[in-house]
Amino acid sequence: MNEAETCAELIESDIFRFILALPALEQAGEMLVEVPAETSGKTSGKIVVAIRKNPSITIPELSRFVGVTERSIERNLQKLQENGRIRRVGPAKGGPWVVIE
């Protein structure tokens, strides 16, 4: 896939799944993420899905994946931590994320 191409696939079964391969993500480590339909419209849901797939994901990578600013990612991460949905293990820089559910 070249930089201008994207690949989208909609799978219809018990639940809808939308798979979108983005060139920026492929360059950042070949990370393709399936976003469940119930979280596809919410930034925090997309963040949780991405963290499950890659606990060491960085804020810039999350920003490119979700399509929002890094500051927006930081606000959403803070809310997710306050609500007890995620936590950071180890150092603030470089420590992996853990999804709590």
PDB file of N, CA and C in Angstrom:
ATOM      1  N   MET A   1       0.850  -1.173   0.000  1.00  0.00           N
ATOM      2  CA  MET A   1       0.000   0.000   0.000  1.00  0.00           C
ATOM      3  C   MET A   1       0.890   1.228   0.000  1.00  0.00           C
ATOM      4  N   ASN A   2       0.654   2.164  -0.934  1.00  0.00           N
ATOM      5  CA  ASN A   2       1.460   3.384  -0.932  1.00  0.00           C
ATOM      6  C   ASN A   2       0.845   4.405   0.010  1.00  0.00           C
ATOM      7  N   GLU A   3       1.532   5.571   0.165  1.00  0.00           N
ATOM      8  CA  GLU A   3       1.094   6.556   1.146  1.00  0.00           C
ATOM      9  C   GLU A   3      -0.288   7.124   0.856  1.00  0.00           C
ATOM     10  N   ALA A   4      -0.692   7.182  -0.399  1.00  0.00           N
ATOM     11  CA  ALA A   4      -1.976   7.767  -0.756  1.00  0.00           C
ATOM     12  C   ALA A   4      -3.133   6.789  -0.591  1.00  0.00           C
ATOM     13  N   GLU A   5      -2.858   5.496  -0.467  1.00  0.00           N
ATOM     14  CA  GLU A   5      -3.919   4.497  -0.384  1.00  0.00           C
ATOM     15  C   GLU A   5      -4.350   4.245   1.055  1.00  0.00           C
ATOM     16  N   THR A   6      -5.621   4.012   1.212  1.00  0.00           N
ATOM     17  CA  THR A   6      -6.142   3.497   2.469  1.00  0.00           C
ATOM     18  C   THR A   6      -7.012   2.314   2.123  1.00  0.00           C
ATOM     19  N   CYS A   7      -7.224   1.455   3.074  1.00  0.00           N
ATOM     20  CA  CYS A   7      -8.030   0.272   2.847  1.00  0.00           C
ATOM     21  C   CYS A   7      -9.118   0.232   3.908  1.00  0.00           C
ATOM     22  N   ALA A   8     -10.361   0.183   3.491  1.00  0.00           N
ATOM     23  CA  ALA A   8     -11.468   0.131   4.440  1.00  0.00           C
ATOM     24  C   ALA A   8     -12.293  -1.115   4.168  1.00  0.00           C
ATOM     25  N   GLU A   9     -12.778  -1.722   5.241  1.00  0.00           N
ATOM     26  CA  GLU A   9     -13.576  -2.933   5.108  1.00  0.00           C
ATOM     27  C   GLU A   9     -14.670  -2.896   6.170  1.00  0.00           C
ATOM     28  N   LEU A  10     -15.907  -3.144   5.763  1.00  0.00           N
ATOM     29  CA  LEU A  10     -17.028  -3.219   6.685  1.00  0.00           C
ATOM     30  C   LEU A  10     -17.476  -4.671   6.752  1.00  0.00           C
ATOM     31  N   ILE A  11     -17.469  -5.225   7.966  1.00  0.00           N
ATOM     32  CA  ILE A  11     -17.855  -6.622   8.161  1.00  0.00           C
ATOM     33  C   ILE A  11     -19.171  -6.633   8.926  1.00  0.00           C
ATOM     34  N   GLU A  12     -20.173  -7.286   8.371  1.00  0.00           N
ATOM     35  CA  GLU A  12     -21.491  -7.341   8.985  1.00  0.00           C
ATOM     36  C   GLU A  12     -21.741  -8.771   9.467  1.00  0.00           C
ATOM     37  N   SER A  13     -21.913  -8.926  10.778  1.00  0.00           N
ATOM     38  CA  SER A  13     -22.241 -10.221  11.366  1.00  0.00           C
ATOM     39  C   SER A  13     -23.080  -9.937  12.600  1.00  0.00           C
ATOM     40  N   ASP A  14     -22.768 -10.569  13.734  1.00  0.00           N
ATOM     41  CA  ASP A  14     -23.492 -10.285  14.975  1.00  0.00           C
ATOM     42  C   ASP A  14     -23.345  -8.815  15.364  1.00  0.00           C
ATOM     43  N   ILE A  15     -22.158  -8.278  15.126  1.00  0.00           N
ATOM     44  CA  ILE A  15     -21.902  -6.855  15.341  1.00  0.00           C
ATOM     45  C   ILE A  15     -21.247  -6.323  14.086  1.00  0.00           C
ATOM     46  N   PHE A  16     -21.313  -5.018  13.896  1.00  0.00           N
ATOM     47  CA  PHE A  16     -20.635  -4.402  12.774  1.00  0.00           C
ATOM     48  C   PHE A  16     -19.198  -4.125  13.162  1.00  0.00           C
ATOM     49  N   ARG A  17     -18.278  -4.375  12.251  1.00  0.00           N
ATOM     50  CA  ARG A  17     -16.879  -4.030  12.457  1.00  0.00           C
ATOM     51  C   ARG A  17     -16.433  -3.206  11.271  1.00  0.00           C
ATOM     52  N   PHE A  18     -15.706  -2.180  11.561  1.00  0.00           N
ATOM     53  CA  PHE A  18     -15.143  -1.342  10.523  1.00  0.00           C
ATOM     54  C   PHE A  18     -13.634  -1.372  10.681  1.00  0.00           C
ATOM     55  N   ILE A  19     -12.928  -1.832   9.667  1.00  0.00           N
ATOM     56  CA  ILE A  19     -11.476  -1.930   9.709  1.00  0.00           C
ATOM     57  C   ILE A  19     -10.923  -0.910   8.732  1.00  0.00           C
ATOM     58  N   LEU A  20     -10.050  -0.049   9.211  1.00  0.00           N
ATOM     59  CA  LEU A  20      -9.467   0.987   8.379  1.00  0.00           C
ATOM     60  C   LEU A  20      -7.958   0.944   8.550  1.00  0.00           C
ATOM     61  N   ALA A  21      -7.250   0.665   7.484  1.00  0.00           N
ATOM     62  CA  ALA A  21      -5.788   0.660   7.502  1.00  0.00           C
ATOM     63  C   ALA A  21      -5.311   2.029   7.044  1.00  0.00           C
ATOM     64  N   LEU A  22      -4.588   2.724   7.903  1.00  0.00           N
ATOM     65  CA  LEU A  22      -4.094   4.053   7.581  1.00  0.00           C
ATOM     66  C   LEU A  22      -2.596   4.015   7.343  1.00  0.00           C
ATOM     67  N   PRO A  23      -2.122   4.669   6.309  1.00  0.00           N
ATOM     68  CA  PRO A  23      -0.693   4.650   6.023  1.00  0.00           C
ATOM     69  C   PRO A  23       0.158   5.147   7.182  1.00  0.00           C
ATOM     70  N   ALA A  24      -0.274   6.176   7.901  1.00  0.00           N
ATOM     71  CA  ALA A  24       0.515   6.710   9.019  1.00  0.00           C
ATOM     72  C   ALA A  24       0.726   5.645  10.090  1.00  0.00           C
ATOM     73  N   LEU A  25      -0.284   4.813  10.336  1.00  0.00           N
ATOM     74  CA  LEU A  25      -0.146   3.768  11.342  1.00  0.00           C
ATOM     75  C   LEU A  25       0.794   2.678  10.877  1.00  0.00           C
ATOM     76  N   GLU A  26       0.740   2.352   9.610  1.00  0.00           N
ATOM     77  CA  GLU A  26       1.620   1.311   9.098  1.00  0.00           C
ATOM     78  C   GLU A  26       3.074   1.738   9.234  1.00  0.00           C
ATOM     79  N   GLN A  27       3.348   3.001   8.992  1.00  0.00           N
ATOM     80  CA  GLN A  27       4.705   3.496   9.132  1.00  0.00           C
ATOM     81  C   GLN A  27       5.121   3.534  10.596  1.00  0.00           C
ATOM     82  N   ALA A  28       4.166   3.662  11.504  1.00  0.00           N
ATOM     83  CA  ALA A  28       4.477   3.769  12.928  1.00  0.00           C
ATOM     84  C   ALA A  28       4.527   2.409  13.599  1.00  0.00           C
ATOM     85  N   GLY A  29       4.581   1.329  12.854  1.00  0.00           N
ATOM     86  CA  GLY A  29       4.719   0.027  13.490  1.00  0.00           C
ATOM     87  C   GLY A  29       3.716  -1.002  13.024  1.00  0.00           C
ATOM     88  N   GLU A  30       3.174  -0.866  11.836  1.00  0.00           N
ATOM     89  CA  GLU A  30       2.266  -1.867  11.279  1.00  0.00           C
ATOM     90  C   GLU A  30       1.088  -2.154  12.203  1.00  0.00           C
ATOM     91  N   MET A  31       0.517  -1.128  12.822  1.00  0.00           N
ATOM     92  CA  MET A  31      -0.571  -1.327  13.763  1.00  0.00           C
ATOM     93  C   MET A  31      -1.910  -1.133  13.066  1.00  0.00           C
ATOM     94  N   LEU A  32      -2.667  -2.186  12.913  1.00  0.00           N
ATOM     95  CA  LEU A  32      -4.013  -2.116  12.378  1.00  0.00           C
ATOM     96  C   LEU A  32      -4.956  -2.482  13.510  1.00  0.00           C
ATOM     97  N   VAL A  33      -5.975  -1.678  13.717  1.00  0.00           N
ATOM     98  CA  VAL A  33      -6.860  -1.873  14.856  1.00  0.00           C
ATOM     99  C   VAL A  33      -8.293  -1.993  14.369  1.00  0.00           C
ATOM    100  N   GLU A  34      -9.012  -2.989  14.862  1.00  0.00           N
ATOM    101  CA  GLU A  34     -10.446  -3.092  14.603  1.00  0.00           C
ATOM    102  C   GLU A  34     -11.157  -2.285  15.673  1.00  0.00           C
ATOM    103  N   VAL A  35     -12.011  -1.367  15.250  1.00  0.00           N
ATOM    104  CA  VAL A  35     -12.756  -0.545  16.193  1.00  0.00           C
ATOM    105  C   VAL A  35     -14.191  -1.041  16.213  1.00  0.00           C
ATOM    106  N   PRO A  36     -14.663  -1.605  17.342  1.00  0.00           N
ATOM    107  CA  PRO A  36     -16.037  -2.072  17.417  1.00  0.00           C
ATOM    108  C   PRO A  36     -17.020  -0.934  17.128  1.00  0.00           C
ATOM    109  N   ALA A  37     -18.147  -1.254  16.542  1.00  0.00           N
ATOM    110  CA  ALA A  37     -19.122  -0.236  16.156  1.00  0.00           C
ATOM    111  C   ALA A  37     -19.578   0.607  17.338  1.00  0.00           C
ATOM    112  N   GLU A  38     -19.679   0.005  18.528  1.00  0.00           N
ATOM    113  CA  GLU A  38     -20.163   0.763  19.676  1.00  0.00           C
ATOM    114  C   GLU A  38     -19.176   1.819  20.146  1.00  0.00           C
ATOM    115  N   THR A  39     -17.916   1.756  19.722  1.00  0.00           N
ATOM    116  CA  THR A  39     -16.935   2.763  20.116  1.00  0.00           C
ATOM    117  C   THR A  39     -16.425   3.565  18.932  1.00  0.00           C
ATOM    118  N   SER A  40     -16.930   3.300  17.740  1.00  0.00           N
ATOM    119  CA  SER A  40     -16.354   3.905  16.547  1.00  0.00           C
ATOM    120  C   SER A  40     -16.528   5.415  16.485  1.00  0.00           C
ATOM    121  N   GLY A  41     -17.487   5.984  17.190  1.00  0.00           N
ATOM    122  CA  GLY A  41     -17.696   7.419  17.136  1.00  0.00           C
ATOM    123  C   GLY A  41     -17.113   8.175  18.296  1.00  0.00           C
ATOM    124  N   LYS A  42     -16.538   7.489  19.266  1.00  0.00           N
ATOM    125  CA  LYS A  42     -16.073   8.149  20.464  1.00  0.00           C
ATOM    126  C   LYS A  42     -14.555   8.079  20.568  1.00  0.00           C
ATOM    127  N   THR A  43     -13.970   9.224  20.824  1.00  0.00           N
ATOM    128  CA  THR A  43     -12.521   9.301  20.949  1.00  0.00           C
ATOM    129  C   THR A  43     -12.013   8.386  22.051  1.00  0.00           C
ATOM    130  N   SER A  44     -12.649   8.411  23.214  1.00  0.00           N
ATOM    131  CA  SER A  44     -12.175   7.589  24.337  1.00  0.00           C
ATOM    132  C   SER A  44     -12.265   6.099  24.011  1.00  0.00           C
ATOM    133  N   GLY A  45     -13.299   5.683  23.292  1.00  0.00           N
ATOM    134  CA  GLY A  45     -13.426   4.283  22.905  1.00  0.00           C
ATOM    135  C   GLY A  45     -12.329   3.859  21.946  1.00  0.00           C
ATOM    136  N   LYS A  46     -11.983   4.735  21.015  1.00  0.00           N
ATOM    137  CA  LYS A  46     -10.909   4.440  20.075  1.00  0.00           C
ATOM    138  C   LYS A  46      -9.569   4.359  20.799  1.00  0.00           C
ATOM    139  N   ILE A  47      -9.385   5.211  21.785  1.00  0.00           N
ATOM    140  CA  ILE A  47      -8.146   5.195  22.572  1.00  0.00           C
ATOM    141  C   ILE A  47      -8.022   3.879  23.321  1.00  0.00           C
ATOM    142  N   VAL A  48      -9.100   3.428  23.960  1.00  0.00           N
ATOM    143  CA  VAL A  48      -9.075   2.169  24.711  1.00  0.00           C
ATOM    144  C   VAL A  48      -8.764   0.997  23.786  1.00  0.00           C
ATOM    145  N   VAL A  49      -9.379   0.971  22.617  1.00  0.00           N
ATOM    146  CA  VAL A  49      -9.120  -0.105  21.656  1.00  0.00           C
ATOM    147  C   VAL A  49      -7.652  -0.106  21.242  1.00  0.00           C
ATOM    148  N   ALA A  50      -7.110   1.068  20.950  1.00  0.00           N
ATOM    149  CA  ALA A  50      -5.713   1.165  20.531  1.00  0.00           C
ATOM    150  C   ALA A  50      -4.764   0.738  21.647  1.00  0.00           C
ATOM    151  N   ILE A  51      -5.086   1.093  22.893  1.00  0.00           N
ATOM    152  CA  ILE A  51      -4.241   0.705  24.025  1.00  0.00           C
ATOM    153  C   ILE A  51      -4.282  -0.803  24.229  1.00  0.00           C
ATOM    154  N   ARG A  52      -5.446  -1.413  24.032  1.00  0.00           N
ATOM    155  CA  ARG A  52      -5.527  -2.878  24.152  1.00  0.00           C
ATOM    156  C   ARG A  52      -4.611  -3.561  23.139  1.00  0.00           C
ATOM    157  N   LYS A  53      -4.562  -3.025  21.930  1.00  0.00           N
ATOM    158  CA  LYS A  53      -3.738  -3.605  20.873  1.00  0.00           C
ATOM    159  C   LYS A  53      -2.255  -3.330  21.074  1.00  0.00           C
ATOM    160  N   ASN A  54      -1.941  -2.160  21.622  1.00  0.00           N
ATOM    161  CA  ASN A  54      -0.549  -1.769  21.810  1.00  0.00           C
ATOM    162  C   ASN A  54      -0.422  -0.959  23.098  1.00  0.00           C
ATOM    163  N   PRO A  55      -0.162  -1.611  24.246  1.00  0.00           N
ATOM    164  CA  PRO A  55      -0.074  -0.904  25.527  1.00  0.00           C
ATOM    165  C   PRO A  55       1.033   0.149  25.590  1.00  0.00           C
ATOM    166  N   SER A  56       1.994   0.092  24.700  1.00  0.00           N
ATOM    167  CA  SER A  56       3.099   1.061  24.698  1.00  0.00           C
ATOM    168  C   SER A  56       2.884   2.193  23.698  1.00  0.00           C
ATOM    169  N   ILE A  57       1.674   2.325  23.173  1.00  0.00           N
ATOM    170  CA  ILE A  57       1.389   3.355  22.180  1.00  0.00           C
ATOM    171  C   ILE A  57       1.636   4.742  22.769  1.00  0.00           C
ATOM    172  N   THR A  58       2.140   5.638  21.937  1.00  0.00           N
ATOM    173  CA  THR A  58       2.453   6.992  22.382  1.00  0.00           C
ATOM    174  C   THR A  58       1.302   7.947  22.064  1.00  0.00           C
ATOM    175  N   ILE A  59       1.337   9.114  22.682  1.00  0.00           N
ATOM    176  CA  ILE A  59       0.311  10.126  22.431  1.00  0.00           C
ATOM    177  C   ILE A  59       0.326  10.565  20.960  1.00  0.00           C
ATOM    178  N   PRO A  60       1.496  10.813  20.349  1.00  0.00           N
ATOM    179  CA  PRO A  60       1.465  11.164  18.912  1.00  0.00           C
ATOM    180  C   PRO A  60       0.862  10.056  18.038  1.00  0.00           C
ATOM    181  N   GLU A  61       1.143   8.787  18.357  1.00  0.00           N
ATOM    182  CA  GLU A  61       0.554   7.683  17.588  1.00  0.00           C
ATOM    183  C   GLU A  61      -0.957   7.637  17.785  1.00  0.00           C
ATOM    184  N   LEU A  62      -1.421   7.834  19.025  1.00  0.00           N
ATOM    185  CA  LEU A  62      -2.863   7.874  19.292  1.00  0.00           C
ATOM    186  C   LEU A  62      -3.513   9.030  18.529  1.00  0.00           C
ATOM    187  N   SER A  63      -2.849  10.162  18.502  1.00  0.00           N
ATOM    188  CA  SER A  63      -3.368  11.330  17.804  1.00  0.00           C
ATOM    189  C   SER A  63      -3.571  11.040  16.319  1.00  0.00           C
ATOM    190  N   ARG A  64      -2.580  10.400  15.700  1.00  0.00           N
ATOM    191  CA  ARG A  64      -2.706  10.057  14.274  1.00  0.00           C
ATOM    192  C   ARG A  64      -3.797   9.020  14.057  1.00  0.00           C
ATOM    193  N   PHE A  65      -3.892   8.029  14.947  1.00  0.00           N
ATOM    194  CA  PHE A  65      -4.885   6.977  14.791  1.00  0.00           C
ATOM    195  C   PHE A  65      -6.309   7.510  14.936  1.00  0.00           C
ATOM    196  N   VAL A  66      -6.541   8.304  15.986  1.00  0.00           N
ATOM    197  CA  VAL A  66      -7.889   8.793  16.273  1.00  0.00           C
ATOM    198  C   VAL A  66      -8.254   9.968  15.366  1.00  0.00           C
ATOM    199  N   GLY A  67      -7.255  10.742  14.954  1.00  0.00           N
ATOM    200  CA  GLY A  67      -7.523  11.885  14.083  1.00  0.00           C
ATOM    201  C   GLY A  67      -7.861  13.154  14.835  1.00  0.00           C
ATOM    202  N   VAL A  68      -7.326  13.292  16.042  1.00  0.00           N
ATOM    203  CA  VAL A  68      -7.520  14.498  16.840  1.00  0.00           C
ATOM    204  C   VAL A  68      -6.153  14.995  17.294  1.00  0.00           C
ATOM    205  N   THR A  69      -6.125  16.162  17.922  1.00  0.00           N
ATOM    206  CA  THR A  69      -4.859  16.737  18.365  1.00  0.00           C
ATOM    207  C   THR A  69      -4.285  15.958  19.549  1.00  0.00           C
ATOM    208  N   GLU A  70      -2.987  16.136  19.752  1.00  0.00           N
ATOM    209  CA  GLU A  70      -2.338  15.499  20.897  1.00  0.00           C
ATOM    210  C   GLU A  70      -2.934  16.009  22.201  1.00  0.00           C
ATOM    211  N   ARG A  71      -3.287  17.279  22.256  1.00  0.00           N
ATOM    212  CA  ARG A  71      -3.903  17.841  23.473  1.00  0.00           C
ATOM    213  C   ARG A  71      -5.242  17.159  23.756  1.00  0.00           C
ATOM    214  N   SER A  72      -6.018  16.885  22.730  1.00  0.00           N
ATOM    215  CA  SER A  72      -7.286  16.187  22.899  1.00  0.00           C
ATOM    216  C   SER A  72      -7.049  14.768  23.442  1.00  0.00           C
ATOM    217  N   ILE A  73      -6.010  14.112  22.951  1.00  0.00           N
ATOM    218  CA  ILE A  73      -5.660  12.782  23.459  1.00  0.00           C
ATOM    219  C   ILE A  73      -5.298  12.879  24.933  1.00  0.00           C
ATOM    220  N   GLU A  74      -4.493  13.876  25.294  1.00  0.00           N
ATOM    221  CA  GLU A  74      -4.097  14.049  26.699  1.00  0.00           C
ATOM    222  C   GLU A  74      -5.314  14.243  27.603  1.00  0.00           C
ATOM    223  N   ARG A  75      -6.271  15.069  27.165  1.00  0.00           N
ATOM    224  CA  ARG A  75      -7.498  15.290  27.962  1.00  0.00           C
ATOM    225  C   ARG A  75      -8.282  13.988  28.117  1.00  0.00           C
ATOM    226  N   ASN A  76      -8.410  13.242  27.017  1.00  0.00           N
ATOM    227  CA  ASN A  76      -9.160  11.986  27.072  1.00  0.00           C
ATOM    228  C   ASN A  76      -8.453  10.959  27.943  1.00  0.00           C
ATOM    229  N   LEU A  77      -7.129  10.884  27.881  1.00  0.00           N
ATOM    230  CA  LEU A  77      -6.379   9.964  28.744  1.00  0.00           C
ATOM    231  C   LEU A  77      -6.590  10.312  30.209  1.00  0.00           C
ATOM    232  N   GLN A  78      -6.571  11.609  30.515  1.00  0.00           N
ATOM    233  CA  GLN A  78      -6.790  12.043  31.893  1.00  0.00           C
ATOM    234  C   GLN A  78      -8.187  11.640  32.380  1.00  0.00           C
ATOM    235  N   LYS A  79      -9.207  11.832  31.546  1.00  0.00           N
ATOM    236  CA  LYS A  79     -10.575  11.446  31.918  1.00  0.00           C
ATOM    237  C   LYS A  79     -10.687   9.930  32.094  1.00  0.00           C
ATOM    238  N   LEU A  80     -10.064   9.179  31.192  1.00  0.00           N
ATOM    239  CA  LEU A  80     -10.100   7.717  31.302  1.00  0.00           C
ATOM    240  C   LEU A  80      -9.430   7.255  32.601  1.00  0.00           C
ATOM    241  N   GLN A  81      -8.343   7.920  32.997  1.00  0.00           N
ATOM    242  CA  GLN A  81      -7.674   7.570  34.249  1.00  0.00           C
ATOM    243  C   GLN A  81      -8.546   7.941  35.447  1.00  0.00           C
ATOM    244  N   GLU A  82      -9.154   9.116  35.415  1.00  0.00           N
ATOM    245  CA  GLU A  82     -10.019   9.557  36.512  1.00  0.00           C
ATOM    246  C   GLU A  82     -11.227   8.637  36.678  1.00  0.00           C
ATOM    247  N   ASN A  83     -11.729   8.104  35.564  1.00  0.00           N
ATOM    248  CA  ASN A  83     -12.879   7.193  35.603  1.00  0.00           C
ATOM    249  C   ASN A  83     -12.484   5.752  35.887  1.00  0.00           C
ATOM    250  N   GLY A  84     -11.193   5.500  36.047  1.00  0.00           N
ATOM    251  CA  GLY A  84     -10.720   4.165  36.374  1.00  0.00           C
ATOM    252  C   GLY A  84     -10.755   3.178  35.217  1.00  0.00           C
ATOM    253  N   ARG A  85     -10.759   3.663  33.981  1.00  0.00           N
ATOM    254  CA  ARG A  85     -10.791   2.752  32.829  1.00  0.00           C
ATOM    255  C   ARG A  85      -9.398   2.348  32.363  1.00  0.00           C
ATOM    256  N   ILE A  86      -8.407   3.224  32.602  1.00  0.00           N
ATOM    257  CA  ILE A  86      -7.024   2.897  32.246  1.00  0.00           C
ATOM    258  C   ILE A  86      -6.104   3.376  33.356  1.00  0.00           C
ATOM    259  N   ARG A  87      -4.898   2.830  33.377  1.00  0.00           N
ATOM    260  CA  ARG A  87      -3.869   3.342  34.279  1.00  0.00           C
ATOM    261  C   ARG A  87      -2.513   3.119  33.637  1.00  0.00           C
ATOM    262  N   ARG A  88      -1.557   3.897  34.095  1.00  0.00           N
ATOM    263  CA  ARG A  88      -0.193   3.800  33.582  1.00  0.00           C
ATOM    264  C   ARG A  88       0.619   2.962  34.557  1.00  0.00           C
ATOM    265  N   VAL A  89       1.385   2.014  34.046  1.00  0.00           N
ATOM    266  CA  VAL A  89       2.246   1.174  34.867  1.00  0.00           C
ATOM    267  C   VAL A  89       3.679   1.629  34.621  1.00  0.00           C
ATOM    268  N   GLY A  90       4.409   1.873  35.677  1.00  0.00           N
ATOM    269  CA  GLY A  90       5.791   2.295  35.514  1.00  0.00           C
ATOM    270  C   GLY A  90       5.905   3.790  35.341  1.00  0.00           C
ATOM    271  N   PRO A  91       6.985   4.243  34.692  1.00  0.00           N
ATOM    272  CA  PRO A  91       7.229   5.685  34.564  1.00  0.00           C
ATOM    273  C   PRO A  91       6.228   6.371  33.648  1.00  0.00           C
ATOM    274  N   ALA A  92       6.056   7.674  33.866  1.00  0.00           N
ATOM    275  CA  ALA A  92       5.126   8.457  33.044  1.00  0.00           C
ATOM    276  C   ALA A  92       5.543   8.455  31.576  1.00  0.00           C
ATOM    277  N   LYS A  93       6.828   8.456  31.340  1.00  0.00           N
ATOM    278  CA  LYS A  93       7.325   8.390  29.962  1.00  0.00           C
ATOM    279  C   LYS A  93       7.858   6.985  29.721  1.00  0.00           C
ATOM    280  N   GLY A  94       7.201   6.260  28.862  1.00  0.00           N
ATOM    281  CA  GLY A  94       7.690   4.950  28.496  1.00  0.00           C
ATOM    282  C   GLY A  94       6.994   3.787  29.170  1.00  0.00           C
ATOM    283  N   GLY A  95       6.244   4.049  30.220  1.00  0.00           N
ATOM    284  CA  GLY A  95       5.508   2.965  30.876  1.00  0.00           C
ATOM    285  C   GLY A  95       4.286   2.568  30.066  1.00  0.00           C
ATOM    286  N   PRO A  96       3.921   1.298  30.058  1.00  0.00           N
ATOM    287  CA  PRO A  96       2.762   0.866  29.281  1.00  0.00           C
ATOM    288  C   PRO A  96       1.439   1.233  29.958  1.00  0.00           C
ATOM    289  N   TRP A  97       0.389   1.295  29.154  1.00  0.00           N
ATOM    290  CA  TRP A  97      -0.969   1.521  29.638  1.00  0.00           C
ATOM    291  C   TRP A  97      -1.617   0.186  29.933  1.00  0.00           C
ATOM    292  N   VAL A  98      -2.530   0.172  30.893  1.00  0.00           N
ATOM    293  CA  VAL A  98      -3.322  -1.019  31.201  1.00  0.00           C
ATOM    294  C   VAL A  98      -4.793  -0.617  31.171  1.00  0.00           C
ATOM    295  N   VAL A  99      -5.592  -1.386  30.426  1.00  0.00           N
ATOM    296  CA  VAL A  99      -7.040  -1.150  30.386  1.00  0.00           C
ATOM    297  C   VAL A  99      -7.659  -1.923  31.537  1.00  0.00           C
ATOM    298  N   ILE A 100      -8.469  -1.239  32.345  1.00  0.00           N
ATOM    299  CA  ILE A 100      -9.112  -1.849  33.508  1.00  0.00           C
ATOM    300  C   ILE A 100     -10.593  -2.033  33.184  1.00  0.00           C
ATOM    301  N   GLU A 101     -11.040  -3.281  33.141  1.00  0.00           N
ATOM    302  CA  GLU A 101     -12.469  -3.539  32.897  1.00  0.00           C
ATOM    303  C   GLU A 101     -12.849  -4.900  33.366  1.00  0.00           C
TER     304      GLU A 101
END
